[in-house]
Protein backbone atom coordinates (compact mmCIF):
# COMPACT_ATOMS: atom_id res chain seq x y z
CA MET A 1 -7.94 4.07 -68.00
CA ARG A 2 -4.28 2.78 -68.82
CA HIS A 3 -4.87 2.57 -72.44
CA ARG A 4 -1.79 2.47 -74.46
CA LYS A 5 0.50 2.14 -71.27
CA ARG A 6 2.57 -0.68 -71.31
CA GLY A 7 4.01 -3.01 -68.65
CA ARG A 8 3.07 -3.30 -64.94
CA THR A 9 2.86 -0.85 -62.55
CA LEU A 10 3.55 -3.91 -59.28
CA GLY A 11 2.15 -1.03 -56.86
CA ARG A 12 5.23 0.88 -56.69
CA SER A 13 5.51 4.61 -58.38
CA PRO A 14 7.84 5.03 -61.39
CA ALA A 15 11.14 5.16 -59.32
CA HIS A 16 10.72 2.50 -56.55
CA ARG A 17 9.43 -0.02 -59.60
CA LYS A 18 12.85 1.17 -61.36
CA ALA A 19 15.07 -0.01 -58.21
CA MET A 20 13.67 -2.96 -57.69
CA LEU A 21 13.74 -4.05 -61.39
CA LYS A 22 17.25 -2.81 -60.85
CA ASN A 23 17.45 -4.66 -57.74
CA LEU A 24 16.14 -8.32 -59.16
CA ALA A 25 18.16 -8.23 -62.54
CA CYS A 26 21.12 -7.66 -60.09
CA ALA A 27 20.47 -10.19 -58.48
CA LEU A 28 20.13 -12.51 -61.19
CA ILE A 29 23.73 -12.01 -62.73
CA LEU A 30 25.01 -12.14 -59.15
CA THR A 31 23.88 -15.99 -58.80
CA GLU A 32 26.78 -16.31 -61.12
CA ALA A 33 29.31 -14.92 -58.43
CA PRO A 34 31.12 -17.00 -56.92
CA ALA A 35 31.19 -15.86 -53.16
CA PRO A 36 34.14 -14.49 -51.28
CA ALA A 37 34.83 -16.93 -48.29
CA ASP A 38 35.15 -14.31 -46.08
CA ALA A 39 31.53 -12.66 -47.52
CA GLN A 40 27.99 -12.82 -45.78
CA ARG A 41 26.03 -13.43 -48.09
CA LYS A 42 25.26 -17.40 -48.54
CA PRO A 43 26.61 -18.56 -52.24
CA PRO A 44 22.51 -19.64 -53.70
CA LYS A 45 21.92 -22.84 -53.96
CA VAL A 46 21.50 -22.69 -58.19
CA PRO A 47 23.50 -20.60 -59.44
CA GLY A 48 22.14 -18.36 -62.73
CA ARG A 49 18.16 -18.93 -60.85
CA ILE A 50 15.65 -15.87 -58.26
CA VAL A 51 12.40 -16.79 -57.46
CA THR A 52 10.48 -14.11 -57.06
CA THR A 53 6.03 -13.45 -58.47
CA LEU A 54 4.80 -14.25 -61.86
CA ALA A 55 4.20 -10.60 -62.78
CA LYS A 56 7.72 -9.28 -61.87
CA ALA A 57 10.00 -12.41 -63.08
CA LYS A 58 7.67 -11.12 -66.78
CA GLU A 59 8.83 -7.33 -66.06
CA VAL A 60 12.78 -7.98 -64.93
CA ARG A 61 13.13 -10.31 -68.33
CA PRO A 62 13.30 -7.63 -71.29
CA LEU A 63 15.18 -5.89 -68.71
CA VAL A 64 18.39 -8.73 -68.67
CA GLU A 65 17.78 -9.75 -71.80
CA LYS A 66 18.62 -6.07 -72.99
CA CYS A 67 22.16 -6.58 -70.59
CA VAL A 68 22.92 -10.08 -72.17
CA THR A 69 22.91 -8.76 -75.35
CA LEU A 70 24.39 -5.33 -75.19
CA ALA A 71 27.08 -7.31 -72.80
CA CYS A 72 27.89 -9.86 -75.82
CA LYS A 73 28.40 -6.87 -78.68
CA ALA A 74 31.35 -5.39 -76.70
CA TRP A 75 32.63 -8.79 -76.31
CA ASP A 76 32.66 -8.12 -79.78
CA HIS A 77 34.75 -4.50 -79.89
CA VAL A 78 37.32 -6.46 -77.05
CA ASP A 79 38.15 -8.95 -79.56
CA ALA A 80 38.50 -6.84 -82.25
CA ALA A 81 40.72 -4.97 -79.86
CA ARG A 82 43.06 -7.93 -78.79
CA SER A 83 45.22 -7.52 -81.60
CA LEU A 84 45.69 -3.98 -81.66
CA LYS A 85 47.38 -4.18 -77.32
CA THR A 86 50.68 -4.98 -76.94
CA ASP A 87 51.68 -6.94 -74.47
CA ALA A 88 55.23 -5.37 -73.42
CA PRO A 89 54.58 -4.46 -69.70
CA ARG A 90 53.02 -1.34 -68.11
CA HIS A 91 54.64 1.82 -68.35
CA SER A 92 57.94 -0.05 -69.93
CA ASP A 93 60.04 1.91 -72.68
CA ALA A 94 58.23 -0.69 -75.05
CA TRP A 95 54.62 0.05 -73.64
CA LYS A 96 55.31 4.20 -74.26
CA ALA A 97 56.29 3.90 -77.85
CA TRP A 98 53.39 1.82 -78.28
CA ARG A 99 51.20 4.44 -76.68
CA GLU A 100 52.43 7.26 -78.49
CA GLY A 101 52.58 5.91 -81.90
CA PRO A 102 49.15 5.19 -84.04
CA GLN A 103 48.90 1.74 -82.87
CA TRP A 104 47.47 3.05 -79.30
CA GLN A 105 44.99 4.67 -81.44
CA ALA A 106 43.40 2.30 -83.77
CA TRP A 107 43.47 0.17 -80.03
CA ALA A 108 41.91 3.19 -78.78
CA ALA A 109 39.16 3.24 -81.24
CA ALA A 110 38.63 -0.18 -81.60
CA ILE A 111 37.90 -0.83 -77.71
CA ALA A 112 35.37 2.62 -77.09
CA PRO A 113 32.31 1.32 -78.38
CA ALA A 114 33.17 -1.72 -75.45
CA VAL A 115 33.68 0.65 -72.62
CA ALA A 116 30.74 3.26 -73.68
CA ILE A 117 28.45 0.11 -73.16
CA ARG A 118 29.75 -0.93 -69.94
CA ARG A 119 28.98 2.41 -68.84
CA ARG A 120 25.57 2.61 -70.54
CA LEU A 121 25.03 -1.66 -68.56
CA GLN A 122 26.48 0.29 -65.51
CA ARG A 123 23.16 3.01 -65.93
CA LEU A 124 21.00 0.52 -66.11
CA LEU A 125 21.93 -1.60 -63.53
CA GLY A 126 23.24 0.11 -60.80
CA GLN A 127 26.31 -2.44 -59.45
CA LYS A 128 29.69 -2.32 -60.06
CA GLN A 129 29.98 -5.97 -59.43
CA ALA A 130 26.88 -7.11 -61.87
CA VAL A 131 28.51 -5.46 -64.70
CA THR A 132 31.27 -7.21 -64.40
CA VAL A 133 30.09 -10.74 -63.39
CA LEU A 134 27.42 -9.95 -66.67
CA LEU A 135 30.63 -9.56 -69.03
CA ALA A 136 33.03 -11.76 -67.26
CA LYS A 137 31.03 -14.27 -66.75
CA VAL A 138 27.33 -14.60 -68.45
CA ALA A 139 27.95 -12.38 -71.53
CA PRO A 140 31.29 -15.61 -73.26
CA ARG A 141 28.18 -18.13 -72.61
CA PHE A 142 26.01 -16.42 -74.67
CA ARG A 143 28.15 -14.88 -77.71
CA ASP A 144 26.44 -16.90 -80.44
CA ARG A 145 23.15 -17.03 -78.91
CA PRO A 146 20.36 -15.09 -81.08
CA GLY A 147 17.94 -14.22 -78.48
CA GLY A 148 16.26 -16.24 -75.48
CA TYR A 149 18.88 -15.96 -72.31
CA THR A 150 16.35 -16.30 -69.65
CA ARG A 151 13.26 -18.68 -68.91
CA ILE A 152 10.53 -18.14 -67.05
CA VAL A 153 9.16 -21.50 -64.82
CA ARG A 154 5.53 -21.20 -63.05
CA LEU A 155 5.76 -22.78 -59.39
CA PRO A 156 2.67 -24.67 -58.44
CA ARG A 157 2.42 -23.36 -55.28
CA PRO A 158 1.73 -19.66 -54.22
CA ARG A 159 3.46 -17.45 -51.87
CA VAL A 160 2.86 -17.93 -48.19
CA GLY A 161 1.22 -14.79 -46.78
CA ASP A 162 -0.44 -13.56 -50.05
CA ALA A 163 -0.77 -16.91 -52.31
CA GLY A 164 1.15 -14.87 -54.88
CA THR A 165 2.16 -17.02 -58.02
CA ARG A 166 5.87 -17.82 -57.67
CA ALA A 167 8.04 -18.27 -60.47
CA ILE A 168 11.82 -18.78 -61.57
CA LEU A 169 13.19 -16.77 -63.99
CA GLU A 170 16.77 -18.24 -64.50
CA PHE A 171 19.46 -18.01 -67.03
CA THR A 172 18.68 -20.81 -70.08
CA GLY A 173 22.03 -22.97 -71.73
CA VAL A 174 22.37 -24.75 -68.56
CA ARG A 175 19.34 -27.49 -66.81
CA ASP A 176 17.87 -27.34 -70.61
CA ARG A 177 15.95 -30.54 -70.70
CA LYS A 178 17.38 -32.35 -73.93
CA VAL A 179 13.86 -34.21 -76.19
CA GLU A 180 14.86 -37.71 -76.88
CA ARG A 181 12.92 -38.94 -80.12
CA ALA A 182 11.68 -42.35 -80.22
CA ILE A 183 13.65 -44.30 -82.84
CA ARG A 184 10.50 -45.88 -85.52
CA PRO A 185 11.34 -49.66 -85.14
CA ALA A 186 12.67 -51.62 -88.51
CA PHE A 187 9.76 -54.14 -90.33
CA ALA A 188 10.62 -56.01 -91.53
CA GLU A 189 8.57 -56.88 -95.11
CA GLY A 190 7.68 -59.79 -94.31
CA ASP A 191 6.41 -58.59 -90.97
CA ALA A 192 4.48 -55.57 -93.02
CA ALA A 193 3.07 -58.00 -95.40
CA GLN A 194 1.29 -59.88 -92.82
CA GLY A 195 0.17 -56.63 -90.60
CA SER A 196 -1.74 -55.60 -94.19
CA SER A 197 -3.38 -58.61 -95.13
């Protein structure tokens, strides 16, 4: 019995399962990155979206949400440190004076949490390129959003071969449906009186 065992095993050993979830999370994040011209991989059909099985999508979603939350927190620390940074070119006399002064100590203390978050994201995802894309492209889009960065949409057709239920895992905020409510018609007073009799 698997009482009080959280999560799905997905028919894999723990190490295989963790590696698969990391790869799925990185694949979703890397769809946001523009593909270089000389790259061998093709650009995604729809950025910010992957198609996988429903069970895998439900398992990888908490990992992606946690990573986006951490990346948004890193941006807050970067903004706090930006006012303490110098604009002088590196290794110039003005930069060296800033580097040896108390202003650098304050900047280093302000930027340290962002560096720690970057390292934690590197541990969670395992790919530097995915962490860079997450911090540069995805996190600024969700800074004002308190959660719910991804959505899972079940697809109607099962996977060919094993008939597994497929689903789309995508970032929210780009292809959201806007619900427009119908305007209630305003009746004249004479029409309302005729309708009630």
